[in-house]
Amino acid sequence: MNERIAALTQGIRSLEAELEVELARRRIELNYVVDNGKVRFEQVMIARHRAAKTRTLDYILTARPLMLVTAPLIYALMLPLLVMDGFISVYQAACFPVYGIPKVSRADYFIYDRSHLAYLNFIEKLNCAFCSYANGLIRYVGEISSRTEQYWCPIKHARRLTASHDRYGRFLDYGDAEAYVNGLAGVRDDLKKCAARDAPP
């Protein structure tokens, strides 16, 4: 990898570590800890949360009519999401071992901790569960796709991407045939070494 790109990548990782420190400070301010994957609030915060909760019936009665009309359309997305989840999971299970690509852990991408918030009513918790699943699935699919791309076609695009995955910086430069011929095996080996390190905490 180009030294400048490697330095920038390291800089991004350092900023991510700083962000984690700041998020930990904020958790302390909000009086909760995460212990063995479970969130625990102090009793005084739980009481405040319960006092702030909107009753489910009030939530429904105060919703705009168009919100109620579009809700079934939003939840209808669950079907294609489940189909995509099934196909991508089978794809990874069947193909990744053949090529020596480390599998992506579902547990790293699907997190359902919002249901423990006492200030959310039943519908809000249901909405949060839907969003956690949909966004977790997109990130899960994105990681599987990025590992696929790094193995089969680790070449940067000629045009600038609006957003790229974390692996993109390791890809070979567009138009550099020599780097592709000589470096493809190294990028694939890098995938095998980096996949575990790149998984979210």
N, C-alpha and C. Protein backbone atom coordinates (compact mmCIF):
# COMPACT_ATOMS: atom_id res chain seq x y z
N MET A 1 0.84 -1.18 0.00
CA MET A 1 0.00 0.00 0.00
C MET A 1 0.89 1.24 0.00
N ASN A 2 0.48 2.27 -0.71
CA ASN A 2 1.16 3.55 -0.75
C ASN A 2 1.35 4.07 0.68
N GLU A 3 2.57 4.60 0.98
CA GLU A 3 2.88 5.04 2.35
C GLU A 3 1.96 6.16 2.83
N ARG A 4 1.64 7.08 1.94
CA ARG A 4 0.76 8.19 2.32
C ARG A 4 -0.63 7.67 2.66
N ILE A 5 -1.14 6.73 1.86
CA ILE A 5 -2.45 6.15 2.13
C ILE A 5 -2.43 5.39 3.45
N ALA A 6 -1.33 4.65 3.68
CA ALA A 6 -1.20 3.92 4.94
C ALA A 6 -1.21 4.87 6.13
N ALA A 7 -0.53 6.02 5.99
CA ALA A 7 -0.50 7.01 7.08
C ALA A 7 -1.89 7.60 7.32
N LEU A 8 -2.61 7.90 6.25
CA LEU A 8 -3.96 8.43 6.39
C LEU A 8 -4.88 7.41 7.05
N THR A 9 -4.74 6.14 6.64
CA THR A 9 -5.55 5.07 7.23
C THR A 9 -5.27 4.97 8.73
N GLN A 10 -3.99 5.07 9.10
CA GLN A 10 -3.63 5.01 10.52
C GLN A 10 -4.22 6.21 11.27
N GLY A 11 -4.22 7.37 10.62
CA GLY A 11 -4.81 8.56 11.22
C GLY A 11 -6.29 8.38 11.49
N ILE A 12 -6.98 7.76 10.54
CA ILE A 12 -8.42 7.49 10.71
C ILE A 12 -8.63 6.55 11.89
N ARG A 13 -7.80 5.53 12.00
CA ARG A 13 -7.93 4.58 13.12
C ARG A 13 -7.69 5.29 14.47
N SER A 14 -6.74 6.22 14.49
CA SER A 14 -6.48 6.98 15.72
C SER A 14 -7.67 7.83 16.10
N LEU A 15 -8.29 8.48 15.10
CA LEU A 15 -9.48 9.29 15.37
C LEU A 15 -10.64 8.42 15.87
N GLU A 16 -10.77 7.21 15.31
CA GLU A 16 -11.82 6.29 15.77
C GLU A 16 -11.60 5.92 17.23
N ALA A 17 -10.32 5.73 17.62
CA ALA A 17 -10.01 5.40 19.02
C ALA A 17 -10.36 6.59 19.93
N GLU A 18 -10.06 7.81 19.48
CA GLU A 18 -10.43 9.00 20.25
C GLU A 18 -11.93 9.11 20.41
N LEU A 19 -12.65 8.81 19.35
CA LEU A 19 -14.12 8.85 19.40
C LEU A 19 -14.64 7.86 20.43
N GLU A 20 -14.06 6.67 20.49
CA GLU A 20 -14.49 5.67 21.48
C GLU A 20 -14.28 6.19 22.90
N VAL A 21 -13.19 6.90 23.14
CA VAL A 21 -12.93 7.48 24.46
C VAL A 21 -14.01 8.49 24.82
N GLU A 22 -14.35 9.35 23.85
CA GLU A 22 -15.38 10.36 24.09
C GLU A 22 -16.74 9.73 24.34
N LEU A 23 -17.06 8.67 23.59
CA LEU A 23 -18.33 7.96 23.80
C LEU A 23 -18.37 7.32 25.18
N ALA A 24 -17.23 6.81 25.65
CA ALA A 24 -17.16 6.23 27.00
C ALA A 24 -17.41 7.30 28.06
N ARG A 25 -16.86 8.50 27.84
CA ARG A 25 -17.11 9.60 28.77
C ARG A 25 -18.60 9.94 28.81
N ARG A 26 -19.21 9.96 27.65
CA ARG A 26 -20.65 10.29 27.59
C ARG A 26 -21.48 9.22 28.30
N ARG A 27 -21.08 7.96 28.21
CA ARG A 27 -21.80 6.89 28.92
C ARG A 27 -21.76 7.14 30.42
N ILE A 28 -20.63 7.61 30.91
CA ILE A 28 -20.50 7.91 32.34
C ILE A 28 -21.45 9.04 32.72
N GLU A 29 -21.53 10.07 31.87
CA GLU A 29 -22.43 11.20 32.13
C GLU A 29 -23.89 10.75 32.19
N LEU A 30 -24.24 9.78 31.37
CA LEU A 30 -25.63 9.31 31.31
C LEU A 30 -25.91 8.18 32.31
N ASN A 31 -24.95 7.90 33.17
CA ASN A 31 -25.11 6.94 34.26
C ASN A 31 -25.46 5.53 33.81
N TYR A 32 -24.75 5.03 32.82
CA TYR A 32 -24.92 3.62 32.49
C TYR A 32 -23.59 2.97 32.15
N VAL A 33 -23.58 1.65 32.33
CA VAL A 33 -22.40 0.85 31.98
C VAL A 33 -22.87 -0.32 31.13
N VAL A 34 -21.96 -0.83 30.33
CA VAL A 34 -22.24 -2.03 29.55
C VAL A 34 -21.43 -3.14 30.18
N ASP A 35 -22.13 -4.15 30.73
CA ASP A 35 -21.49 -5.23 31.45
C ASP A 35 -21.87 -6.56 30.80
N ASN A 36 -20.89 -7.25 30.22
CA ASN A 36 -21.14 -8.51 29.52
C ASN A 36 -22.25 -8.38 28.48
N GLY A 37 -22.23 -7.27 27.74
CA GLY A 37 -23.21 -7.06 26.69
C GLY A 37 -24.54 -6.53 27.16
N LYS A 38 -24.72 -6.38 28.47
CA LYS A 38 -25.98 -5.87 29.01
C LYS A 38 -25.79 -4.45 29.51
N VAL A 39 -26.78 -3.61 29.19
CA VAL A 39 -26.73 -2.21 29.61
C VAL A 39 -27.39 -2.08 30.98
N ARG A 40 -26.70 -1.37 31.89
CA ARG A 40 -27.26 -1.19 33.23
C ARG A 40 -27.25 0.32 33.56
N PHE A 41 -28.47 0.84 33.82
CA PHE A 41 -28.62 2.24 34.24
C PHE A 41 -28.75 2.29 35.75
N GLU A 42 -28.36 3.42 36.33
CA GLU A 42 -28.61 3.64 37.75
C GLU A 42 -30.11 3.86 37.94
N GLN A 43 -30.63 3.52 39.12
CA GLN A 43 -32.06 3.58 39.39
C GLN A 43 -32.65 4.98 39.17
N VAL A 44 -31.88 6.00 39.51
CA VAL A 44 -32.38 7.37 39.35
C VAL A 44 -32.62 7.67 37.87
N MET A 45 -31.78 7.16 37.00
CA MET A 45 -31.95 7.38 35.56
C MET A 45 -33.14 6.58 35.03
N ILE A 46 -33.33 5.37 35.54
CA ILE A 46 -34.48 4.57 35.12
C ILE A 46 -35.78 5.29 35.46
N ALA A 47 -35.84 5.89 36.65
CA ALA A 47 -37.04 6.64 37.07
C ALA A 47 -37.29 7.82 36.14
N ARG A 48 -36.22 8.53 35.77
CA ARG A 48 -36.36 9.66 34.84
C ARG A 48 -36.84 9.18 33.47
N HIS A 49 -36.32 8.07 33.03
CA HIS A 49 -36.73 7.51 31.74
C HIS A 49 -38.21 7.16 31.73
N ARG A 50 -38.67 6.52 32.79
CA ARG A 50 -40.08 6.12 32.86
C ARG A 50 -40.99 7.36 32.87
N ALA A 51 -40.54 8.41 33.53
CA ALA A 51 -41.33 9.64 33.60
C ALA A 51 -41.43 10.31 32.22
N ALA A 52 -40.43 10.10 31.37
CA ALA A 52 -40.41 10.74 30.04
C ALA A 52 -41.15 9.92 28.97
N LYS A 53 -41.58 8.74 29.32
CA LYS A 53 -42.19 7.83 28.33
C LYS A 53 -43.59 8.30 27.90
N THR A 54 -43.84 8.22 26.59
CA THR A 54 -45.17 8.52 26.04
C THR A 54 -45.96 7.21 25.97
N ARG A 55 -47.16 7.21 26.52
CA ARG A 55 -47.98 5.99 26.49
C ARG A 55 -48.25 5.59 25.04
N THR A 56 -48.33 4.30 24.79
CA THR A 56 -48.52 3.79 23.43
C THR A 56 -49.77 4.36 22.78
N LEU A 57 -50.88 4.39 23.51
CA LEU A 57 -52.13 4.90 22.94
C LEU A 57 -52.01 6.38 22.58
N ASP A 58 -51.37 7.17 23.44
CA ASP A 58 -51.15 8.58 23.15
C ASP A 58 -50.26 8.75 21.91
N TYR A 59 -49.29 7.88 21.80
CA TYR A 59 -48.37 7.91 20.66
C TYR A 59 -49.13 7.70 19.35
N ILE A 60 -50.06 6.74 19.35
CA ILE A 60 -50.86 6.45 18.15
C ILE A 60 -51.83 7.58 17.86
N LEU A 61 -52.51 8.07 18.89
CA LEU A 61 -53.54 9.11 18.70
C LEU A 61 -52.95 10.45 18.26
N THR A 62 -51.71 10.72 18.58
CA THR A 62 -51.10 12.00 18.20
C THR A 62 -50.31 11.91 16.90
N ALA A 63 -50.24 10.72 16.32
CA ALA A 63 -49.51 10.56 15.05
C ALA A 63 -50.30 11.19 13.91
N ARG A 64 -49.58 11.77 12.95
CA ARG A 64 -50.24 12.32 11.77
C ARG A 64 -50.84 11.17 10.96
N PRO A 65 -52.00 11.37 10.32
CA PRO A 65 -52.65 10.29 9.56
C PRO A 65 -51.73 9.64 8.51
N LEU A 66 -50.93 10.45 7.83
CA LEU A 66 -50.04 9.89 6.80
C LEU A 66 -48.99 8.96 7.40
N MET A 67 -48.63 9.20 8.64
CA MET A 67 -47.69 8.30 9.32
C MET A 67 -48.33 6.92 9.49
N LEU A 68 -49.58 6.90 9.88
CA LEU A 68 -50.28 5.63 10.07
C LEU A 68 -50.47 4.90 8.73
N VAL A 69 -50.69 5.68 7.67
CA VAL A 69 -50.90 5.08 6.34
C VAL A 69 -49.60 4.49 5.80
N THR A 70 -48.47 5.17 6.03
CA THR A 70 -47.20 4.69 5.47
C THR A 70 -46.53 3.61 6.32
N ALA A 71 -46.96 3.43 7.56
CA ALA A 71 -46.33 2.44 8.43
C ALA A 71 -46.32 1.02 7.82
N PRO A 72 -47.44 0.54 7.25
CA PRO A 72 -47.39 -0.81 6.65
C PRO A 72 -46.39 -0.90 5.49
N LEU A 73 -46.23 0.19 4.73
CA LEU A 73 -45.27 0.19 3.63
C LEU A 73 -43.85 0.06 4.16
N ILE A 74 -43.58 0.77 5.25
CA ILE A 74 -42.25 0.68 5.85
C ILE A 74 -41.97 -0.74 6.33
N TYR A 75 -42.93 -1.32 7.06
CA TYR A 75 -42.71 -2.66 7.60
C TYR A 75 -42.73 -3.74 6.52
N ALA A 76 -43.31 -3.43 5.35
CA ALA A 76 -43.28 -4.39 4.24
C ALA A 76 -41.85 -4.63 3.75
N LEU A 77 -40.94 -3.69 4.05
CA LEU A 77 -39.53 -3.87 3.69
C LEU A 77 -38.91 -5.08 4.38
N MET A 78 -39.55 -5.54 5.44
CA MET A 78 -39.00 -6.68 6.17
C MET A 78 -38.85 -7.91 5.27
N LEU A 79 -39.78 -8.11 4.36
CA LEU A 79 -39.72 -9.30 3.49
C LEU A 79 -38.47 -9.30 2.61
N PRO A 80 -38.21 -8.24 1.81
CA PRO A 80 -36.98 -8.28 1.01
C PRO A 80 -35.71 -8.29 1.85
N LEU A 81 -35.76 -7.67 3.04
CA LEU A 81 -34.59 -7.71 3.91
C LEU A 81 -34.30 -9.13 4.37
N LEU A 82 -35.35 -9.86 4.74
CA LEU A 82 -35.16 -11.25 5.17
C LEU A 82 -34.64 -12.13 4.03
N VAL A 83 -35.16 -11.87 2.82
CA VAL A 83 -34.69 -12.63 1.65
C VAL A 83 -33.21 -12.34 1.41
N MET A 84 -32.83 -11.06 1.45
CA MET A 84 -31.42 -10.70 1.26
C MET A 84 -30.55 -11.33 2.34
N ASP A 85 -31.02 -11.30 3.58
CA ASP A 85 -30.29 -11.89 4.69
C ASP A 85 -30.04 -13.38 4.43
N GLY A 86 -31.08 -14.08 4.01
CA GLY A 86 -30.94 -15.50 3.74
C GLY A 86 -29.94 -15.79 2.63
N PHE A 87 -30.05 -15.06 1.52
CA PHE A 87 -29.16 -15.29 0.39
C PHE A 87 -27.71 -14.96 0.72
N ILE A 88 -27.47 -13.82 1.38
CA ILE A 88 -26.09 -13.42 1.66
C ILE A 88 -25.46 -14.36 2.69
N SER A 89 -26.25 -14.86 3.63
CA SER A 89 -25.72 -15.78 4.64
C SER A 89 -25.34 -17.12 4.01
N VAL A 90 -26.19 -17.61 3.10
CA VAL A 90 -25.88 -18.86 2.40
C VAL A 90 -24.65 -18.67 1.51
N TYR A 91 -24.59 -17.54 0.82
CA TYR A 91 -23.45 -17.23 -0.05
C TYR A 91 -22.15 -17.27 0.74
N GLN A 92 -22.14 -16.56 1.89
CA GLN A 92 -20.92 -16.52 2.69
C GLN A 92 -20.55 -17.91 3.21
N ALA A 93 -21.54 -18.63 3.71
CA ALA A 93 -21.28 -19.96 4.29
C ALA A 93 -20.75 -20.93 3.24
N ALA A 94 -21.26 -20.84 2.01
CA ALA A 94 -20.85 -21.78 0.96
C ALA A 94 -19.55 -21.38 0.28
N CYS A 95 -19.35 -20.09 0.04
CA CYS A 95 -18.24 -19.65 -0.81
C CYS A 95 -16.98 -19.21 -0.05
N PHE A 96 -17.13 -18.52 1.06
CA PHE A 96 -15.94 -17.99 1.74
C PHE A 96 -14.93 -19.08 2.13
N PRO A 97 -15.38 -20.22 2.67
CA PRO A 97 -14.39 -21.25 3.02
C PRO A 97 -13.61 -21.78 1.81
N VAL A 98 -14.24 -21.82 0.66
CA VAL A 98 -13.57 -22.33 -0.55
C VAL A 98 -12.36 -21.46 -0.89
N TYR A 99 -12.48 -20.15 -0.69
CA TYR A 99 -11.41 -19.22 -1.07
C TYR A 99 -10.56 -18.77 0.12
N GLY A 100 -10.85 -19.30 1.29
CA GLY A 100 -10.07 -18.94 2.46
C GLY A 100 -10.36 -17.55 2.99
N ILE A 101 -11.55 -17.03 2.68
CA ILE A 101 -11.94 -15.70 3.16
C ILE A 101 -12.59 -15.87 4.53
N PRO A 102 -12.12 -15.15 5.54
CA PRO A 102 -12.74 -15.28 6.88
C PRO A 102 -14.20 -14.84 6.85
N LYS A 103 -15.04 -15.59 7.54
CA LYS A 103 -16.47 -15.27 7.58
C LYS A 103 -16.74 -14.05 8.47
N VAL A 104 -17.80 -13.35 8.14
CA VAL A 104 -18.23 -12.19 8.90
C VAL A 104 -19.16 -12.67 10.02
N SER A 105 -18.90 -12.22 11.23
CA SER A 105 -19.73 -12.61 12.37
C SER A 105 -20.99 -11.76 12.45
N ARG A 106 -22.15 -12.40 12.44
CA ARG A 106 -23.42 -11.66 12.56
C ARG A 106 -23.49 -10.86 13.85
N ALA A 107 -22.97 -11.44 14.92
CA ALA A 107 -23.08 -10.80 16.24
C ALA A 107 -22.40 -9.43 16.28
N ASP A 108 -21.45 -9.19 15.38
CA ASP A 108 -20.77 -7.90 15.35
C ASP A 108 -21.63 -6.81 14.72
N TYR A 109 -22.68 -7.19 14.01
CA TYR A 109 -23.46 -6.22 13.23
C TYR A 109 -24.90 -6.07 13.67
N PHE A 110 -25.45 -7.06 14.36
CA PHE A 110 -26.85 -7.01 14.79
C PHE A 110 -26.90 -6.78 16.29
N ILE A 111 -27.26 -5.57 16.68
CA ILE A 111 -27.28 -5.19 18.10
C ILE A 111 -28.69 -4.70 18.45
N TYR A 112 -29.27 -5.32 19.46
CA TYR A 112 -30.65 -4.98 19.87
C TYR A 112 -30.67 -4.55 21.33
N ASP A 113 -30.11 -3.39 21.62
CA ASP A 113 -30.07 -2.95 23.01
C ASP A 113 -31.04 -1.81 23.31
N ARG A 114 -31.69 -1.24 22.30
CA ARG A 114 -32.58 -0.11 22.52
C ARG A 114 -33.87 -0.52 23.23
N SER A 115 -34.20 -1.80 23.16
CA SER A 115 -35.43 -2.26 23.80
C SER A 115 -35.37 -2.15 25.33
N HIS A 116 -34.18 -1.93 25.88
CA HIS A 116 -34.02 -1.80 27.33
C HIS A 116 -34.24 -0.37 27.82
N LEU A 117 -34.50 0.55 26.89
CA LEU A 117 -34.70 1.95 27.29
C LEU A 117 -36.12 2.15 27.81
N ALA A 118 -36.22 2.58 29.07
CA ALA A 118 -37.52 2.70 29.73
C ALA A 118 -38.34 3.87 29.20
N TYR A 119 -37.73 4.81 28.46
CA TYR A 119 -38.50 5.95 27.95
C TYR A 119 -39.13 5.68 26.59
N LEU A 120 -38.97 4.45 26.06
CA LEU A 120 -39.61 4.08 24.80
C LEU A 120 -40.85 3.24 25.07
N ASN A 121 -41.95 3.53 24.35
CA ASN A 121 -43.15 2.70 24.47
C ASN A 121 -43.02 1.50 23.52
N PHE A 122 -44.05 0.65 23.49
CA PHE A 122 -43.99 -0.58 22.70
C PHE A 122 -43.72 -0.30 21.22
N ILE A 123 -44.43 0.66 20.65
CA ILE A 123 -44.26 0.94 19.21
C ILE A 123 -42.88 1.49 18.92
N GLU A 124 -42.39 2.38 19.78
CA GLU A 124 -41.05 2.92 19.59
C GLU A 124 -40.00 1.81 19.69
N LYS A 125 -40.19 0.87 20.60
CA LYS A 125 -39.25 -0.25 20.72
C LYS A 125 -39.31 -1.14 19.48
N LEU A 126 -40.54 -1.35 18.96
CA LEU A 126 -40.69 -2.13 17.72
C LEU A 126 -39.99 -1.43 16.56
N ASN A 127 -40.17 -0.11 16.47
CA ASN A 127 -39.49 0.66 15.42
C ASN A 127 -37.97 0.53 15.55
N CYS A 128 -37.48 0.63 16.77
CA CYS A 128 -36.03 0.52 17.00
C CYS A 128 -35.52 -0.87 16.63
N ALA A 129 -36.29 -1.90 16.93
CA ALA A 129 -35.87 -3.26 16.57
C ALA A 129 -35.79 -3.40 15.05
N PHE A 130 -36.78 -2.83 14.35
CA PHE A 130 -36.78 -2.87 12.88
C PHE A 130 -35.54 -2.16 12.33
N CYS A 131 -35.26 -0.95 12.84
CA CYS A 131 -34.11 -0.18 12.36
C CYS A 131 -32.79 -0.87 12.70
N SER A 132 -32.72 -1.47 13.89
CA SER A 132 -31.50 -2.19 14.27
C SER A 132 -31.25 -3.35 13.32
N TYR A 133 -32.31 -4.07 12.98
CA TYR A 133 -32.16 -5.19 12.05
C TYR A 133 -31.78 -4.71 10.66
N ALA A 134 -32.52 -3.73 10.13
CA ALA A 134 -32.29 -3.26 8.76
C ALA A 134 -30.88 -2.68 8.61
N ASN A 135 -30.48 -1.81 9.52
CA ASN A 135 -29.16 -1.19 9.41
C ASN A 135 -28.04 -2.17 9.74
N GLY A 136 -28.28 -3.07 10.69
CA GLY A 136 -27.30 -4.12 10.97
C GLY A 136 -27.10 -5.01 9.75
N LEU A 137 -28.21 -5.33 9.09
CA LEU A 137 -28.13 -6.17 7.89
C LEU A 137 -27.34 -5.47 6.78
N ILE A 138 -27.60 -4.19 6.58
CA ILE A 138 -26.88 -3.45 5.54
C ILE A 138 -25.38 -3.43 5.83
N ARG A 139 -25.02 -3.22 7.09
CA ARG A 139 -23.59 -3.23 7.45
C ARG A 139 -23.00 -4.64 7.28
N TYR A 140 -23.75 -5.66 7.67
CA TYR A 140 -23.33 -7.06 7.52
C TYR A 140 -23.11 -7.40 6.05
N VAL A 141 -24.08 -7.04 5.22
CA VAL A 141 -23.97 -7.28 3.77
C VAL A 141 -22.80 -6.48 3.20
N GLY A 142 -22.64 -5.23 3.69
CA GLY A 142 -21.53 -4.40 3.21
C GLY A 142 -20.17 -5.02 3.52
N GLU A 143 -20.03 -5.59 4.71
CA GLU A 143 -18.75 -6.22 5.07
C GLU A 143 -18.51 -7.47 4.23
N ILE A 144 -19.54 -8.28 4.04
CA ILE A 144 -19.39 -9.47 3.19
C ILE A 144 -19.03 -9.04 1.77
N SER A 145 -19.70 -8.01 1.26
CA SER A 145 -19.43 -7.52 -0.09
C SER A 145 -18.02 -6.94 -0.20
N SER A 146 -17.57 -6.23 0.83
CA SER A 146 -16.23 -5.64 0.76
C SER A 146 -15.15 -6.72 0.77
N ARG A 147 -15.37 -7.80 1.53
CA ARG A 147 -14.42 -8.91 1.51
C ARG A 147 -14.43 -9.61 0.15
N THR A 148 -15.62 -9.71 -0.43
CA THR A 148 -15.74 -10.29 -1.77
C THR A 148 -14.97 -9.45 -2.77
N GLU A 149 -15.17 -8.14 -2.70
CA GLU A 149 -14.50 -7.24 -3.64
C GLU A 149 -12.98 -7.27 -3.44
N GLN A 150 -12.53 -7.32 -2.19
CA GLN A 150 -11.09 -7.34 -1.95
C GLN A 150 -10.47 -8.62 -2.50
N TYR A 151 -11.21 -9.71 -2.49
CA TYR A 151 -10.64 -10.96 -3.01
C TYR A 151 -10.66 -10.98 -4.54
N TRP A 152 -11.80 -10.64 -5.15
CA TRP A 152 -11.94 -10.81 -6.59
C TRP A 152 -11.58 -9.59 -7.43
N CYS A 153 -11.75 -8.40 -6.90
CA CYS A 153 -11.50 -7.22 -7.74
C CYS A 153 -11.02 -6.05 -6.90
N PRO A 154 -9.84 -6.17 -6.27
CA PRO A 154 -9.36 -5.10 -5.39
C PRO A 154 -8.67 -3.97 -6.17
N ILE A 155 -9.43 -3.34 -7.06
CA ILE A 155 -8.91 -2.24 -7.87
C ILE A 155 -9.75 -0.99 -7.58
N LYS A 156 -9.08 0.10 -7.30
CA LYS A 156 -9.80 1.35 -7.07
C LYS A 156 -10.49 1.78 -8.37
N HIS A 157 -11.54 2.55 -8.25
CA HIS A 157 -12.22 3.10 -9.42
C HIS A 157 -11.48 4.33 -9.92
N ALA A 158 -11.65 4.63 -11.21
CA ALA A 158 -11.06 5.85 -11.77
C ALA A 158 -11.77 7.07 -11.22
N ARG A 159 -13.07 6.97 -11.04
CA ARG A 159 -13.87 8.08 -10.51
C ARG A 159 -13.93 8.00 -8.99
N ARG A 160 -14.07 9.16 -8.38
CA ARG A 160 -14.15 9.23 -6.92
C ARG A 160 -15.47 8.66 -6.44
N LEU A 161 -15.42 7.83 -5.39
CA LEU A 161 -16.64 7.28 -4.79
C LEU A 161 -17.19 8.26 -3.77
N THR A 162 -18.51 8.33 -3.68
CA THR A 162 -19.14 9.18 -2.67
C THR A 162 -18.80 8.66 -1.27
N ALA A 163 -18.88 7.35 -1.13
CA ALA A 163 -18.52 6.70 0.14
C ALA A 163 -17.91 5.36 -0.19
N SER A 164 -16.87 5.01 0.52
CA SER A 164 -16.23 3.72 0.26
C SER A 164 -16.11 2.95 1.57
N HIS A 165 -15.99 1.64 1.46
CA HIS A 165 -15.83 0.82 2.66
C HIS A 165 -14.39 0.91 3.17
N ASP A 166 -14.17 0.40 4.37
CA ASP A 166 -12.87 0.52 5.02
C ASP A 166 -11.75 -0.20 4.28
N ARG A 167 -12.08 -1.17 3.47
CA ARG A 167 -11.05 -1.94 2.77
C ARG A 167 -10.52 -1.24 1.52
N TYR A 168 -11.26 -0.26 1.06
CA TYR A 168 -10.97 0.37 -0.24
C TYR A 168 -9.56 0.95 -0.31
N GLY A 169 -9.06 1.49 0.78
CA GLY A 169 -7.71 2.07 0.80
C GLY A 169 -6.62 1.08 0.49
N ARG A 170 -6.91 -0.22 0.71
CA ARG A 170 -5.91 -1.26 0.45
C ARG A 170 -5.90 -1.71 -1.01
N PHE A 171 -6.88 -1.25 -1.77
CA PHE A 171 -7.02 -1.72 -3.16
C PHE A 171 -5.90 -1.16 -4.03
N LEU A 172 -5.69 -1.82 -5.16
CA LEU A 172 -4.65 -1.44 -6.11
C LEU A 172 -5.13 -0.26 -6.96
N ASP A 173 -4.19 0.57 -7.38
CA ASP A 173 -4.54 1.75 -8.16
C ASP A 173 -5.10 1.39 -9.53
N TYR A 174 -6.09 2.14 -9.93
CA TYR A 174 -6.72 1.97 -11.25
C TYR A 174 -5.68 2.24 -12.34
N GLY A 175 -5.59 1.34 -13.28
CA GLY A 175 -4.67 1.53 -14.40
C GLY A 175 -3.26 1.05 -14.16
N ASP A 176 -2.95 0.55 -12.96
CA ASP A 176 -1.59 0.07 -12.66
C ASP A 176 -1.55 -1.45 -12.86
N ALA A 177 -1.33 -1.85 -14.13
CA ALA A 177 -1.35 -3.28 -14.49
C ALA A 177 -0.27 -4.06 -13.76
N GLU A 178 0.89 -3.45 -13.62
CA GLU A 178 2.00 -4.14 -12.95
C GLU A 178 1.66 -4.43 -11.50
N ALA A 179 1.05 -3.43 -10.83
CA ALA A 179 0.66 -3.63 -9.43
C ALA A 179 -0.38 -4.74 -9.32
N TYR A 180 -1.30 -4.82 -10.29
CA TYR A 180 -2.33 -5.85 -10.26
C TYR A 180 -1.71 -7.24 -10.40
N VAL A 181 -0.83 -7.37 -11.40
CA VAL A 181 -0.21 -8.68 -11.65
C VAL A 181 0.65 -9.11 -10.47
N ASN A 182 1.41 -8.16 -9.92
CA ASN A 182 2.35 -8.50 -8.84
C ASN A 182 1.76 -8.40 -7.44
N GLY A 183 0.66 -7.65 -7.32
CA GLY A 183 0.16 -7.38 -5.98
C GLY A 183 -1.15 -8.04 -5.60
N LEU A 184 -1.83 -8.68 -6.55
CA LEU A 184 -3.14 -9.28 -6.27
C LEU A 184 -3.05 -10.31 -5.14
N ALA A 185 -2.06 -11.18 -5.20
CA ALA A 185 -1.93 -12.21 -4.16
C ALA A 185 -1.72 -11.58 -2.80
N GLY A 186 -0.94 -10.49 -2.75
CA GLY A 186 -0.68 -9.82 -1.47
C GLY A 186 -1.93 -9.18 -0.89
N VAL A 187 -2.78 -8.59 -1.75
CA VAL A 187 -4.03 -7.98 -1.27
C VAL A 187 -4.96 -9.06 -0.74
N ARG A 188 -4.96 -10.22 -1.41
CA ARG A 188 -5.78 -11.34 -0.93
C ARG A 188 -5.27 -11.86 0.41
N ASP A 189 -3.95 -11.97 0.54
CA ASP A 189 -3.39 -12.41 1.82
C ASP A 189 -3.71 -11.40 2.93
N ASP A 190 -3.66 -10.10 2.58
CA ASP A 190 -3.98 -9.05 3.52
C ASP A 190 -5.41 -9.19 4.03
N LEU A 191 -6.31 -9.60 3.14
CA LEU A 191 -7.71 -9.81 3.51
C LEU A 191 -7.79 -10.87 4.61
N LYS A 192 -7.06 -11.95 4.44
CA LYS A 192 -7.12 -13.03 5.41
C LYS A 192 -6.57 -12.59 6.77
N LYS A 193 -5.54 -11.74 6.74
CA LYS A 193 -4.93 -11.26 7.99
C LYS A 193 -5.76 -10.18 8.66
N CYS A 194 -6.37 -9.30 7.85
CA CYS A 194 -7.04 -8.12 8.38
C CYS A 194 -8.49 -8.33 8.74
N ALA A 195 -9.14 -9.36 8.22
CA ALA A 195 -10.59 -9.52 8.41
C ALA A 195 -10.96 -9.53 9.89
N ALA A 196 -10.24 -10.26 10.69
CA ALA A 196 -10.58 -10.33 12.12
C ALA A 196 -10.34 -8.99 12.80
N ARG A 197 -9.24 -8.32 12.43
CA ARG A 197 -8.91 -7.04 13.04
C ARG A 197 -9.92 -5.95 12.68
N ASP A 198 -10.48 -6.03 11.45
CA ASP A 198 -11.38 -5.01 10.97
C ASP A 198 -12.80 -5.16 11.48
N ALA A 199 -13.13 -6.28 12.09
CA ALA A 199 -14.50 -6.49 12.58
C ALA A 199 -14.80 -5.45 13.65
N PRO A 200 -16.04 -4.95 13.70
CA PRO A 200 -16.37 -3.94 14.71
C PRO A 200 -16.24 -4.49 16.12
N PRO A 201 -15.95 -3.62 17.10
CA PRO A 201 -15.78 -4.10 18.48
C PRO A 201 -17.08 -4.61 19.07
